[in-house]
Amino acid sequence: MAPPPQPERYSPLAVIALFLVVLSVLAALFVGFLVAPLAILAAFYVGFAASDRSERARGTSPVRPIAPAVDDRALLEPVEAQVPGERPARAVAVRRRQR
């Protein structure tokens, strides 16, 4: 009489090897699709920053410094006191134009 069939058993080393292969494939996909594009973008950013800095140092940059929003001299002038209830002339003129 033939012995009963034994269930197939996997070798523990084969399972570990398969697991490591699958893990390495996933790591390669991660590096290929996520980290590599970020590295390329970082290289472009560093190149652009170096180019822009050298243009600014030479004075050939098309970017002009932004003018201050408030004139500093206006901050030093004294403010005239207003009588309560009396509107300045400019506010009255603006109100008339809105009608």
C-alpha atoms as a PDB file:
ATOM      1  CA  MET A   1       0.000   0.000   0.000  1.00  0.00           C
ATOM      2  CA  ALA A   2       1.293   3.495  -0.886  1.00  0.00           C
ATOM      3  CA  PRO A   3       1.917   6.014   1.860  1.00  0.00           C
ATOM      4  CA  PRO A   4      -0.593   8.895   2.038  1.00  0.00           C
ATOM      5  CA  PRO A   5       0.498  12.024   0.108  1.00  0.00           C
ATOM      6  CA  GLN A   6       2.299  14.558   2.284  1.00  0.00           C
ATOM      7  CA  PRO A   7       1.271  18.214   2.040  1.00  0.00           C
ATOM      8  CA  GLU A   8       3.824  20.310   0.194  1.00  0.00           C
ATOM      9  CA  ARG A   9       6.077  22.233   2.497  1.00  0.00           C
ATOM     10  CA  TYR A  10       8.020  25.293   1.524  1.00  0.00           C
ATOM     11  CA  SER A  11      11.561  25.693   2.636  1.00  0.00           C
ATOM     12  CA  PRO A  12      11.882  28.615   5.116  1.00  0.00           C
ATOM     13  CA  LEU A  13      14.881  29.931   3.197  1.00  0.00           C
ATOM     14  CA  ALA A  14      12.874  29.951  -0.043  1.00  0.00           C
ATOM     15  CA  VAL A  15      10.077  31.962   1.622  1.00  0.00           C
ATOM     16  CA  ILE A  16      12.568  34.480   3.016  1.00  0.00           C
ATOM     17  CA  ALA A  17      14.281  34.783  -0.369  1.00  0.00           C
ATOM     18  CA  LEU A  18      10.956  35.361  -2.136  1.00  0.00           C
ATOM     19  CA  PHE A  19       9.991  37.960   0.455  1.00  0.00           C
ATOM     20  CA  LEU A  20      13.296  39.808  -0.031  1.00  0.00           C
ATOM     21  CA  VAL A  21      12.895  39.759  -3.822  1.00  0.00           C
ATOM     22  CA  VAL A  22       9.384  41.209  -3.613  1.00  0.00           C
ATOM     23  CA  LEU A  23      10.536  43.820  -1.095  1.00  0.00           C
ATOM     24  CA  SER A  24      13.456  44.862  -3.299  1.00  0.00           C
ATOM     25  CA  VAL A  25      11.152  45.221  -6.331  1.00  0.00           C
ATOM     26  CA  LEU A  26       8.826  47.469  -4.328  1.00  0.00           C
ATOM     27  CA  ALA A  27      11.800  49.529  -3.130  1.00  0.00           C
ATOM     28  CA  ALA A  28      13.021  49.924  -6.712  1.00  0.00           C
ATOM     29  CA  LEU A  29       9.572  51.110  -7.820  1.00  0.00           C
ATOM     30  CA  PHE A  30       9.460  53.541  -4.905  1.00  0.00           C
ATOM     31  CA  VAL A  31      12.847  54.983  -5.816  1.00  0.00           C
ATOM     32  CA  GLY A  32      12.030  55.079  -9.508  1.00  0.00           C
ATOM     33  CA  PHE A  33       8.664  56.782  -9.313  1.00  0.00           C
ATOM     34  CA  LEU A  34       8.937  58.993  -6.238  1.00  0.00           C
ATOM     35  CA  VAL A  35      12.483  59.808  -5.213  1.00  0.00           C
ATOM     36  CA  ALA A  36      14.049  60.152  -8.665  1.00  0.00           C
ATOM     37  CA  PRO A  37      11.602  62.841  -9.923  1.00  0.00           C
ATOM     38  CA  LEU A  38      12.105  64.774  -6.698  1.00  0.00           C
ATOM     39  CA  ALA A  39      15.862  64.606  -7.185  1.00  0.00           C
ATOM     40  CA  ILE A  40      15.503  65.892 -10.743  1.00  0.00           C
ATOM     41  CA  LEU A  41      13.306  68.776  -9.555  1.00  0.00           C
ATOM     42  CA  ALA A  42      15.836  69.601  -6.847  1.00  0.00           C
ATOM     43  CA  ALA A  43      18.631  69.687  -9.433  1.00  0.00           C
ATOM     44  CA  PHE A  44      16.613  72.100 -11.622  1.00  0.00           C
ATOM     45  CA  TYR A  45      15.858  74.282  -8.588  1.00  0.00           C
ATOM     46  CA  VAL A  46      19.524  74.476  -7.560  1.00  0.00           C
ATOM     47  CA  GLY A  47      20.537  75.310 -11.134  1.00  0.00           C
ATOM     48  CA  PHE A  48      17.902  78.031 -11.428  1.00  0.00           C
ATOM     49  CA  ALA A  49      18.859  79.537  -8.064  1.00  0.00           C
ATOM     50  CA  ALA A  50      22.542  79.639  -9.021  1.00  0.00           C
ATOM     51  CA  SER A  51      21.728  81.210 -12.377  1.00  0.00           C
ATOM     52  CA  ASP A  52      19.453  83.804 -10.822  1.00  0.00           C
ATOM     53  CA  ARG A  53      21.994  84.668  -8.140  1.00  0.00           C
ATOM     54  CA  SER A  54      24.752  85.158 -10.715  1.00  0.00           C
ATOM     55  CA  GLU A  55      22.486  87.389 -12.838  1.00  0.00           C
ATOM     56  CA  ARG A  56      21.654  89.505  -9.816  1.00  0.00           C
ATOM     57  CA  ALA A  57      25.343  89.786  -8.930  1.00  0.00           C
ATOM     58  CA  ARG A  58      26.142  90.983 -12.457  1.00  0.00           C
ATOM     59  CA  GLY A  59      23.151  93.333 -12.468  1.00  0.00           C
ATOM     60  CA  THR A  60      21.587  91.837 -15.599  1.00  0.00           C
ATOM     61  CA  SER A  61      18.531  90.377 -13.891  1.00  0.00           C
ATOM     62  CA  PRO A  62      15.179  91.442 -15.342  1.00  0.00           C
ATOM     63  CA  VAL A  63      13.756  91.309 -11.820  1.00  0.00           C
ATOM     64  CA  ARG A  64      13.664  94.753 -10.285  1.00  0.00           C
ATOM     65  CA  PRO A  65      13.510  95.363  -6.547  1.00  0.00           C
ATOM     66  CA  ILE A  66      10.023  96.055  -5.276  1.00  0.00           C
ATOM     67  CA  ALA A  67       9.368  99.669  -4.367  1.00  0.00           C
ATOM     68  CA  PRO A  68       8.241 100.236  -0.789  1.00  0.00           C
ATOM     69  CA  ALA A  69       4.473 100.412  -0.434  1.00  0.00           C
ATOM     70  CA  VAL A  70       4.687 103.397   1.923  1.00  0.00           C
ATOM     71  CA  ASP A  71       6.791 106.466   1.359  1.00  0.00           C
ATOM     72  CA  ASP A  72       9.092 106.778   4.354  1.00  0.00           C
ATOM     73  CA  ARG A  73       8.946 110.570   4.201  1.00  0.00           C
ATOM     74  CA  ALA A  74       5.188 110.471   4.768  1.00  0.00           C
ATOM     75  CA  LEU A  75       5.777 108.679   8.045  1.00  0.00           C
ATOM     76  CA  LEU A  76       7.932 111.547   9.315  1.00  0.00           C
ATOM     77  CA  GLU A  77       5.421 114.345   8.535  1.00  0.00           C
ATOM     78  CA  PRO A  78       3.207 115.458  11.415  1.00  0.00           C
ATOM     79  CA  VAL A  79      -0.443 114.484  11.259  1.00  0.00           C
ATOM     80  CA  GLU A  80      -2.932 117.329  11.382  1.00  0.00           C
ATOM     81  CA  ALA A  81      -5.551 117.081  14.078  1.00  0.00           C
ATOM     82  CA  GLN A  82      -9.131 116.804  12.828  1.00  0.00           C
ATOM     83  CA  VAL A  83     -12.136 118.252  14.528  1.00  0.00           C
ATOM     84  CA  PRO A  84     -14.572 115.481  15.530  1.00  0.00           C
ATOM     85  CA  GLY A  85     -17.606 115.407  13.238  1.00  0.00           C
ATOM     86  CA  GLU A  86     -15.826 117.211  10.417  1.00  0.00           C
ATOM     87  CA  ARG A  87     -14.861 115.173   7.372  1.00  0.00           C
ATOM     88  CA  PRO A  88     -11.765 115.840   5.337  1.00  0.00           C
ATOM     89  CA  ALA A  89     -12.387 117.348   1.897  1.00  0.00           C
ATOM     90  CA  ARG A  90     -11.158 114.265   0.070  1.00  0.00           C
ATOM     91  CA  ALA A  91     -13.664 111.983   1.800  1.00  0.00           C
ATOM     92  CA  VAL A  92     -16.499 114.310   0.746  1.00  0.00           C
ATOM     93  CA  ALA A  93     -15.298 114.319  -2.873  1.00  0.00           C
ATOM     94  CA  VAL A  94     -15.077 110.534  -2.949  1.00  0.00           C
ATOM     95  CA  ARG A  95     -18.582 110.220  -1.497  1.00  0.00           C
ATOM     96  CA  ARG A  96     -20.000 112.516  -4.243  1.00  0.00           C
ATOM     97  CA  ARG A  97     -18.377 110.471  -7.021  1.00  0.00           C
ATOM     98  CA  GLN A  98     -19.937 107.240  -5.717  1.00  0.00           C
ATOM     99  CA  ARG A  99     -23.511 108.541  -6.115  1.00  0.00           C
END
